[in-house]
Amino acid sequence: EMRKALRAYGEVLRLVRLLPKDSRGYYAKYARENFVNYRDVEPDDVEELLMRTYNHSLWILAKYAVEETAAEKLKQICSA
């Protein structure tokens, strides 16, 4: 499960690069803080956190008018 979480984190960072330049630092830091805060989560809770990651990413992409399809790879990671 840790490998899956790392893949999701990497994909979130890739999506951050699609955001406006002035907001990238904030969201990259936000993603890192959340990854660090949840690194010791129980294995049973990882799936729920991954779906929250995906849904929150969609919200942020919509906020900045980035196509939802940009998160297709993250969707595959989080729902696999």
PDB file of N, CA and C in Angstrom:
ATOM      1  N   GLU A   1       0.817  -1.208   0.000  1.00  0.00           N
ATOM      2  CA  GLU A   1       0.000   0.000   0.000  1.00  0.00           C
ATOM      3  C   GLU A   1       0.857   1.267   0.000  1.00  0.00           C
ATOM      4  N   MET A   2       2.042   1.187   0.606  1.00  0.00           N
ATOM      5  CA  MET A   2       2.894   2.367   0.621  1.00  0.00           C
ATOM      6  C   MET A   2       3.327   2.737  -0.790  1.00  0.00           C
ATOM      7  N   ARG A   3       3.578   1.732  -1.613  1.00  0.00           N
ATOM      8  CA  ARG A   3       3.977   2.005  -2.998  1.00  0.00           C
ATOM      9  C   ARG A   3       2.860   2.732  -3.736  1.00  0.00           C
ATOM     10  N   LYS A   4       1.638   2.299  -3.505  1.00  0.00           N
ATOM     11  CA  LYS A   4       0.482   2.942  -4.137  1.00  0.00           C
ATOM     12  C   LYS A   4       0.355   4.396  -3.666  1.00  0.00           C
ATOM     13  N   ALA A   5       0.552   4.616  -2.383  1.00  0.00           N
ATOM     14  CA  ALA A   5       0.483   5.969  -1.840  1.00  0.00           C
ATOM     15  C   ALA A   5       1.583   6.846  -2.438  1.00  0.00           C
ATOM     16  N   LEU A   6       2.777   6.297  -2.603  1.00  0.00           N
ATOM     17  CA  LEU A   6       3.875   7.060  -3.208  1.00  0.00           C
ATOM     18  C   LEU A   6       3.574   7.396  -4.668  1.00  0.00           C
ATOM     19  N   ARG A   7       2.987   6.458  -5.387  1.00  0.00           N
ATOM     20  CA  ARG A   7       2.601   6.730  -6.776  1.00  0.00           C
ATOM     21  C   ARG A   7       1.556   7.845  -6.838  1.00  0.00           C
ATOM     22  N   ALA A   8       0.588   7.798  -5.918  1.00  0.00           N
ATOM     23  CA  ALA A   8      -0.444   8.835  -5.882  1.00  0.00           C
ATOM     24  C   ALA A   8       0.177  10.190  -5.558  1.00  0.00           C
ATOM     25  N   TYR A   9       1.094  10.215  -4.614  1.00  0.00           N
ATOM     26  CA  TYR A   9       1.770  11.469  -4.243  1.00  0.00           C
ATOM     27  C   TYR A   9       2.519  12.037  -5.449  1.00  0.00           C
ATOM     28  N   GLY A  10       3.252  11.194  -6.143  1.00  0.00           N
ATOM     29  CA  GLY A  10       3.977  11.652  -7.330  1.00  0.00           C
ATOM     30  C   GLY A  10       3.038  12.199  -8.394  1.00  0.00           C
ATOM     31  N   GLU A  11       1.905  11.550  -8.558  1.00  0.00           N
ATOM     32  CA  GLU A  11       0.927  12.009  -9.544  1.00  0.00           C
ATOM     33  C   GLU A  11       0.304  13.337  -9.126  1.00  0.00           C
ATOM     34  N   VAL A  12       0.044  13.499  -7.835  1.00  0.00           N
ATOM     35  CA  VAL A  12      -0.478  14.782  -7.347  1.00  0.00           C
ATOM     36  C   VAL A  12       0.526  15.891  -7.643  1.00  0.00           C
ATOM     37  N   LEU A  13       1.802  15.624  -7.414  1.00  0.00           N
ATOM     38  CA  LEU A  13       2.818  16.640  -7.707  1.00  0.00           C
ATOM     39  C   LEU A  13       2.860  16.959  -9.201  1.00  0.00           C
ATOM     40  N   ARG A  14       2.639  15.966 -10.047  1.00  0.00           N
ATOM     41  CA  ARG A  14       2.579  16.216 -11.486  1.00  0.00           C
ATOM     42  C   ARG A  14       1.387  17.126 -11.811  1.00  0.00           C
ATOM     43  N   LEU A  15       0.249  16.882 -11.167  1.00  0.00           N
ATOM     44  CA  LEU A  15      -0.931  17.716 -11.387  1.00  0.00           C
ATOM     45  C   LEU A  15      -0.712  19.136 -10.892  1.00  0.00           C
ATOM     46  N   VAL A  16       0.039  19.287  -9.816  1.00  0.00           N
ATOM     47  CA  VAL A  16       0.326  20.631  -9.283  1.00  0.00           C
ATOM     48  C   VAL A  16       1.008  21.485 -10.356  1.00  0.00           C
ATOM     49  N   ARG A  17       1.808  20.866 -11.191  1.00  0.00           N
ATOM     50  CA  ARG A  17       2.503  21.616 -12.243  1.00  0.00           C
ATOM     51  C   ARG A  17       1.547  22.170 -13.295  1.00  0.00           C
ATOM     52  N   LEU A  18       0.318  21.687 -13.312  1.00  0.00           N
ATOM     53  CA  LEU A  18      -0.685  22.204 -14.248  1.00  0.00           C
ATOM     54  C   LEU A  18      -1.400  23.442 -13.715  1.00  0.00           C
ATOM     55  N   LEU A  19      -1.187  23.742 -12.457  1.00  0.00           N
ATOM     56  CA  LEU A  19      -1.852  24.883 -11.826  1.00  0.00           C
ATOM     57  C   LEU A  19      -1.099  26.172 -12.160  1.00  0.00           C
ATOM     58  N   PRO A  20      -1.740  27.312 -11.938  1.00  0.00           N
ATOM     59  CA  PRO A  20      -1.036  28.583 -12.154  1.00  0.00           C
ATOM     60  C   PRO A  20       0.241  28.646 -11.316  1.00  0.00           C
ATOM     61  N   LYS A  21       1.246  29.246 -11.877  1.00  0.00           N
ATOM     62  CA  LYS A  21       2.571  29.262 -11.251  1.00  0.00           C
ATOM     63  C   LYS A  21       2.537  29.777  -9.809  1.00  0.00           C
ATOM     64  N   ASP A  22       1.753  30.797  -9.543  1.00  0.00           N
ATOM     65  CA  ASP A  22       1.745  31.393  -8.200  1.00  0.00           C
ATOM     66  C   ASP A  22       1.057  30.520  -7.148  1.00  0.00           C
ATOM     67  N   SER A  23       0.363  29.475  -7.556  1.00  0.00           N
ATOM     68  CA  SER A  23      -0.300  28.599  -6.582  1.00  0.00           C
ATOM     69  C   SER A  23       0.407  27.252  -6.428  1.00  0.00           C
ATOM     70  N   ARG A  24       1.366  26.956  -7.270  1.00  0.00           N
ATOM     71  CA  ARG A  24       2.021  25.645  -7.249  1.00  0.00           C
ATOM     72  C   ARG A  24       2.738  25.357  -5.936  1.00  0.00           C
ATOM     73  N   GLY A  25       3.480  26.317  -5.425  1.00  0.00           N
ATOM     74  CA  GLY A  25       4.226  26.123  -4.183  1.00  0.00           C
ATOM     75  C   GLY A  25       3.316  25.754  -3.027  1.00  0.00           C
ATOM     76  N   TYR A  26       2.195  26.456  -2.933  1.00  0.00           N
ATOM     77  CA  TYR A  26       1.247  26.196  -1.851  1.00  0.00           C
ATOM     78  C   TYR A  26       0.730  24.761  -1.920  1.00  0.00           C
ATOM     79  N   TYR A  27       0.290  24.341  -3.100  1.00  0.00           N
ATOM     80  CA  TYR A  27      -0.300  23.009  -3.221  1.00  0.00           C
ATOM     81  C   TYR A  27       0.742  21.898  -3.136  1.00  0.00           C
ATOM     82  N   ALA A  28       1.943  22.147  -3.602  1.00  0.00           N
ATOM     83  CA  ALA A  28       3.007  21.147  -3.445  1.00  0.00           C
ATOM     84  C   ALA A  28       3.319  20.951  -1.962  1.00  0.00           C
ATOM     85  N   LYS A  29       3.387  22.049  -1.228  1.00  0.00           N
ATOM     86  CA  LYS A  29       3.642  21.963   0.214  1.00  0.00           C
ATOM     87  C   LYS A  29       2.468  21.276   0.921  1.00  0.00           C
ATOM     88  N   TYR A  30       1.266  21.619   0.539  1.00  0.00           N
ATOM     89  CA  TYR A  30       0.066  21.016   1.117  1.00  0.00           C
ATOM     90  C   TYR A  30       0.071  19.501   0.902  1.00  0.00           C
ATOM     91  N   ALA A  31       0.406  19.078  -0.320  1.00  0.00           N
ATOM     92  CA  ALA A  31       0.445  17.643  -0.631  1.00  0.00           C
ATOM     93  C   ALA A  31       1.501  16.940   0.210  1.00  0.00           C
ATOM     94  N   ARG A  32       2.673  17.537   0.318  1.00  0.00           N
ATOM     95  CA  ARG A  32       3.753  16.922   1.098  1.00  0.00           C
ATOM     96  C   ARG A  32       3.365  16.808   2.566  1.00  0.00           C
ATOM     97  N   GLU A  33       2.811  17.876   3.132  1.00  0.00           N
ATOM     98  CA  GLU A  33       2.407  17.853   4.542  1.00  0.00           C
ATOM     99  C   GLU A  33       1.386  16.746   4.789  1.00  0.00           C
ATOM    100  N   ASN A  34       0.431  16.600   3.887  1.00  0.00           N
ATOM    101  CA  ASN A  34      -0.579  15.552   4.056  1.00  0.00           C
ATOM    102  C   ASN A  34       0.030  14.170   3.916  1.00  0.00           C
ATOM    103  N   PHE A  35       0.927  14.006   2.970  1.00  0.00           N
ATOM    104  CA  PHE A  35       1.570  12.711   2.818  1.00  0.00           C
ATOM    105  C   PHE A  35       2.340  12.348   4.086  1.00  0.00           C
ATOM    106  N   VAL A  36       3.085  13.297   4.619  1.00  0.00           N
ATOM    107  CA  VAL A  36       3.860  13.049   5.837  1.00  0.00           C
ATOM    108  C   VAL A  36       2.928  12.778   7.023  1.00  0.00           C
ATOM    109  N   ASN A  37       1.867  13.555   7.134  1.00  0.00           N
ATOM    110  CA  ASN A  37       0.941  13.388   8.262  1.00  0.00           C
ATOM    111  C   ASN A  37       0.242  12.036   8.263  1.00  0.00           C
ATOM    112  N   TYR A  38       0.010  11.478   7.087  1.00  0.00           N
ATOM    113  CA  TYR A  38      -0.735  10.220   6.994  1.00  0.00           C
ATOM    114  C   TYR A  38       0.144   9.008   6.685  1.00  0.00           C
ATOM    115  N   ARG A  39       1.444   9.147   6.773  1.00  0.00           N
ATOM    116  CA  ARG A  39       2.319   8.029   6.396  1.00  0.00           C
ATOM    117  C   ARG A  39       2.196   6.825   7.326  1.00  0.00           C
ATOM    118  N   ASP A  40       1.723   7.029   8.543  1.00  0.00           N
ATOM    119  CA  ASP A  40       1.581   5.926   9.498  1.00  0.00           C
ATOM    120  C   ASP A  40       0.137   5.454   9.633  1.00  0.00           C
ATOM    121  N   VAL A  41      -0.681   5.771   8.663  1.00  0.00           N
ATOM    122  CA  VAL A  41      -2.094   5.389   8.713  1.00  0.00           C
ATOM    123  C   VAL A  41      -2.228   3.865   8.648  1.00  0.00           C
ATOM    124  N   GLU A  42      -3.272   3.360   9.244  1.00  0.00           N
ATOM    125  CA  GLU A  42      -3.547   1.927   9.219  1.00  0.00           C
ATOM    126  C   GLU A  42      -3.797   1.478   7.777  1.00  0.00           C
ATOM    127  N   PRO A  43      -3.302   0.327   7.405  1.00  0.00           N
ATOM    128  CA  PRO A  43      -3.499  -0.165   6.030  1.00  0.00           C
ATOM    129  C   PRO A  43      -4.959  -0.190   5.586  1.00  0.00           C
ATOM    130  N   ASP A  44      -5.865  -0.450   6.510  1.00  0.00           N
ATOM    131  CA  ASP A  44      -7.289  -0.488   6.158  1.00  0.00           C
ATOM    132  C   ASP A  44      -7.829   0.876   5.741  1.00  0.00           C
ATOM    133  N   ASP A  45      -7.158   1.943   6.140  1.00  0.00           N
ATOM    134  CA  ASP A  45      -7.632   3.297   5.856  1.00  0.00           C
ATOM    135  C   ASP A  45      -7.004   3.902   4.604  1.00  0.00           C
ATOM    136  N   VAL A  46      -6.046   3.221   4.000  1.00  0.00           N
ATOM    137  CA  VAL A  46      -5.336   3.776   2.854  1.00  0.00           C
ATOM    138  C   VAL A  46      -6.280   4.008   1.675  1.00  0.00           C
ATOM    139  N   GLU A  47      -7.144   3.060   1.394  1.00  0.00           N
ATOM    140  CA  GLU A  47      -8.054   3.203   0.247  1.00  0.00           C
ATOM    141  C   GLU A  47      -8.932   4.441   0.385  1.00  0.00           C
ATOM    142  N   GLU A  48      -9.451   4.664   1.578  1.00  0.00           N
ATOM    143  CA  GLU A  48     -10.286   5.846   1.801  1.00  0.00           C
ATOM    144  C   GLU A  48      -9.485   7.125   1.594  1.00  0.00           C
ATOM    145  N   LEU A  49      -8.272   7.158   2.099  1.00  0.00           N
ATOM    146  CA  LEU A  49      -7.428   8.339   1.925  1.00  0.00           C
ATOM    147  C   LEU A  49      -7.089   8.575   0.454  1.00  0.00           C
ATOM    148  N   LEU A  50      -6.863   7.520  -0.287  1.00  0.00           N
ATOM    149  CA  LEU A  50      -6.568   7.675  -1.713  1.00  0.00           C
ATOM    150  C   LEU A  50      -7.766   8.248  -2.456  1.00  0.00           C
ATOM    151  N   MET A  51      -8.958   7.808  -2.117  1.00  0.00           N
ATOM    152  CA  MET A  51     -10.144   8.368  -2.775  1.00  0.00           C
ATOM    153  C   MET A  51     -10.357   9.828  -2.378  1.00  0.00           C
ATOM    154  N   ARG A  52     -10.063  10.157  -1.130  1.00  0.00           N
ATOM    155  CA  ARG A  52     -10.138  11.560  -0.719  1.00  0.00           C
ATOM    156  C   ARG A  52      -9.108  12.384  -1.481  1.00  0.00           C
ATOM    157  N   THR A  53      -7.926  11.816  -1.689  1.00  0.00           N
ATOM    158  CA  THR A  53      -6.879  12.495  -2.462  1.00  0.00           C
ATOM    159  C   THR A  53      -7.377  12.796  -3.870  1.00  0.00           C
ATOM    160  N   TYR A  54      -7.962  11.801  -4.493  1.00  0.00           N
ATOM    161  CA  TYR A  54      -8.470  11.975  -5.850  1.00  0.00           C
ATOM    162  C   TYR A  54      -9.571  13.030  -5.900  1.00  0.00           C
ATOM    163  N   ASN A  55     -10.548  12.919  -5.021  1.00  0.00           N
ATOM    164  CA  ASN A  55     -11.669  13.869  -5.015  1.00  0.00           C
ATOM    165  C   ASN A  55     -11.208  15.290  -4.722  1.00  0.00           C
ATOM    166  N   HIS A  56     -10.282  15.444  -3.797  1.00  0.00           N
ATOM    167  CA  HIS A  56      -9.773  16.783  -3.482  1.00  0.00           C
ATOM    168  C   HIS A  56      -8.987  17.338  -4.671  1.00  0.00           C
ATOM    169  N   SER A  57      -8.246  16.477  -5.343  1.00  0.00           N
ATOM    170  CA  SER A  57      -7.506  16.911  -6.526  1.00  0.00           C
ATOM    171  C   SER A  57      -8.452  17.405  -7.609  1.00  0.00           C
ATOM    172  N   LEU A  58      -9.557  16.702  -7.802  1.00  0.00           N
ATOM    173  CA  LEU A  58     -10.546  17.150  -8.786  1.00  0.00           C
ATOM    174  C   LEU A  58     -11.095  18.524  -8.434  1.00  0.00           C
ATOM    175  N   TRP A  59     -11.352  18.741  -7.165  1.00  0.00           N
ATOM    176  CA  TRP A  59     -11.874  20.032  -6.720  1.00  0.00           C
ATOM    177  C   TRP A  59     -10.883  21.155  -7.036  1.00  0.00           C
ATOM    178  N   ILE A  60      -9.608  20.908  -6.756  1.00  0.00           N
ATOM    179  CA  ILE A  60      -8.584  21.922  -7.003  1.00  0.00           C
ATOM    180  C   ILE A  60      -8.419  22.158  -8.507  1.00  0.00           C
ATOM    181  N   LEU A  61      -8.408  21.099  -9.291  1.00  0.00           N
ATOM    182  CA  LEU A  61      -8.296  21.270 -10.739  1.00  0.00           C
ATOM    183  C   LEU A  61      -9.465  22.085 -11.278  1.00  0.00           C
ATOM    184  N   ALA A  62     -10.673  21.806 -10.811  1.00  0.00           N
ATOM    185  CA  ALA A  62     -11.844  22.565 -11.254  1.00  0.00           C
ATOM    186  C   ALA A  62     -11.733  24.027 -10.841  1.00  0.00           C
ATOM    187  N   LYS A  63     -11.216  24.260  -9.660  1.00  0.00           N
ATOM    188  CA  LYS A  63     -11.052  25.631  -9.160  1.00  0.00           C
ATOM    189  C   LYS A  63     -10.192  26.451 -10.114  1.00  0.00           C
ATOM    190  N   TYR A  64      -9.197  25.815 -10.716  1.00  0.00           N
ATOM    191  CA  TYR A  64      -8.289  26.514 -11.620  1.00  0.00           C
ATOM    192  C   TYR A  64      -8.584  26.199 -13.094  1.00  0.00           C
ATOM    193  N   ALA A  65      -9.758  25.662 -13.374  1.00  0.00           N
ATOM    194  CA  ALA A  65     -10.225  25.380 -14.729  1.00  0.00           C
ATOM    195  C   ALA A  65      -9.285  24.456 -15.503  1.00  0.00           C
ATOM    196  N   VAL A  66      -8.716  23.479 -14.807  1.00  0.00           N
ATOM    197  CA  VAL A  66      -7.906  22.458 -15.458  1.00  0.00           C
ATOM    198  C   VAL A  66      -8.835  21.277 -15.745  1.00  0.00           C
ATOM    199  N   GLU A  67      -8.753  20.733 -16.930  1.00  0.00           N
ATOM    200  CA  GLU A  67      -9.612  19.618 -17.323  1.00  0.00           C
ATOM    201  C   GLU A  67      -9.498  18.448 -16.346  1.00  0.00           C
ATOM    202  N   GLU A  68     -10.629  17.894 -15.977  1.00  0.00           N
ATOM    203  CA  GLU A  68     -10.673  16.758 -15.054  1.00  0.00           C
ATOM    204  C   GLU A  68      -9.921  15.552 -15.620  1.00  0.00           C
ATOM    205  N   THR A  69      -9.856  15.458 -16.927  1.00  0.00           N
ATOM    206  CA  THR A  69      -9.166  14.325 -17.552  1.00  0.00           C
ATOM    207  C   THR A  69      -7.673  14.314 -17.221  1.00  0.00           C
ATOM    208  N   ALA A  70      -7.128  15.434 -16.790  1.00  0.00           N
ATOM    209  CA  ALA A  70      -5.716  15.490 -16.392  1.00  0.00           C
ATOM    210  C   ALA A  70      -5.446  14.560 -15.220  1.00  0.00           C
ATOM    211  N   ALA A  71      -6.486  14.260 -14.445  1.00  0.00           N
ATOM    212  CA  ALA A  71      -6.334  13.416 -13.256  1.00  0.00           C
ATOM    213  C   ALA A  71      -6.669  11.955 -13.532  1.00  0.00           C
ATOM    214  N   GLU A  72      -6.722  11.565 -14.785  1.00  0.00           N
ATOM    215  CA  GLU A  72      -7.087  10.183 -15.123  1.00  0.00           C
ATOM    216  C   GLU A  72      -6.094   9.179 -14.535  1.00  0.00           C
ATOM    217  N   LYS A  73      -4.813   9.476 -14.607  1.00  0.00           N
ATOM    218  CA  LYS A  73      -3.815   8.557 -14.055  1.00  0.00           C
ATOM    219  C   LYS A  73      -3.963   8.454 -12.533  1.00  0.00           C
ATOM    220  N   LEU A  74      -4.231   9.581 -11.870  1.00  0.00           N
ATOM    221  CA  LEU A  74      -4.445   9.557 -10.428  1.00  0.00           C
ATOM    222  C   LEU A  74      -5.685   8.713 -10.094  1.00  0.00           C
ATOM    223  N   LYS A  75      -6.712   8.840 -10.903  1.00  0.00           N
ATOM    224  CA  LYS A  75      -7.937   8.050 -10.712  1.00  0.00           C
ATOM    225  C   LYS A  75      -7.608   6.554 -10.782  1.00  0.00           C
ATOM    226  N   GLN A  76      -6.803   6.166 -11.752  1.00  0.00           N
ATOM    227  CA  GLN A  76      -6.427   4.765 -11.906  1.00  0.00           C
ATOM    228  C   GLN A  76      -5.641   4.271 -10.696  1.00  0.00           C
ATOM    229  N   ILE A  77      -4.729   5.098 -10.210  1.00  0.00           N
ATOM    230  CA  ILE A  77      -3.921   4.727  -9.051  1.00  0.00           C
ATOM    231  C   ILE A  77      -4.807   4.567  -7.812  1.00  0.00           C
ATOM    232  N   CYS A  78      -5.673   5.542  -7.600  1.00  0.00           N
ATOM    233  CA  CYS A  78      -6.464   5.584  -6.371  1.00  0.00           C
ATOM    234  C   CYS A  78      -7.601   4.566  -6.345  1.00  0.00           C
ATOM    235  N   SER A  79      -8.061   4.143  -7.504  1.00  0.00           N
ATOM    236  CA  SER A  79      -9.189   3.212  -7.515  1.00  0.00           C
ATOM    237  C   SER A  79      -8.764   1.784  -7.824  1.00  0.00           C
ATOM    238  N   ALA A  80      -7.493   1.571  -8.025  1.00  0.00           N
ATOM    239  CA  ALA A  80      -7.009   0.209  -8.355  1.00  0.00           C
ATOM    240  C   ALA A  80      -6.975  -0.686  -7.143  1.00  0.00           C
TER     241      ALA A  80
END
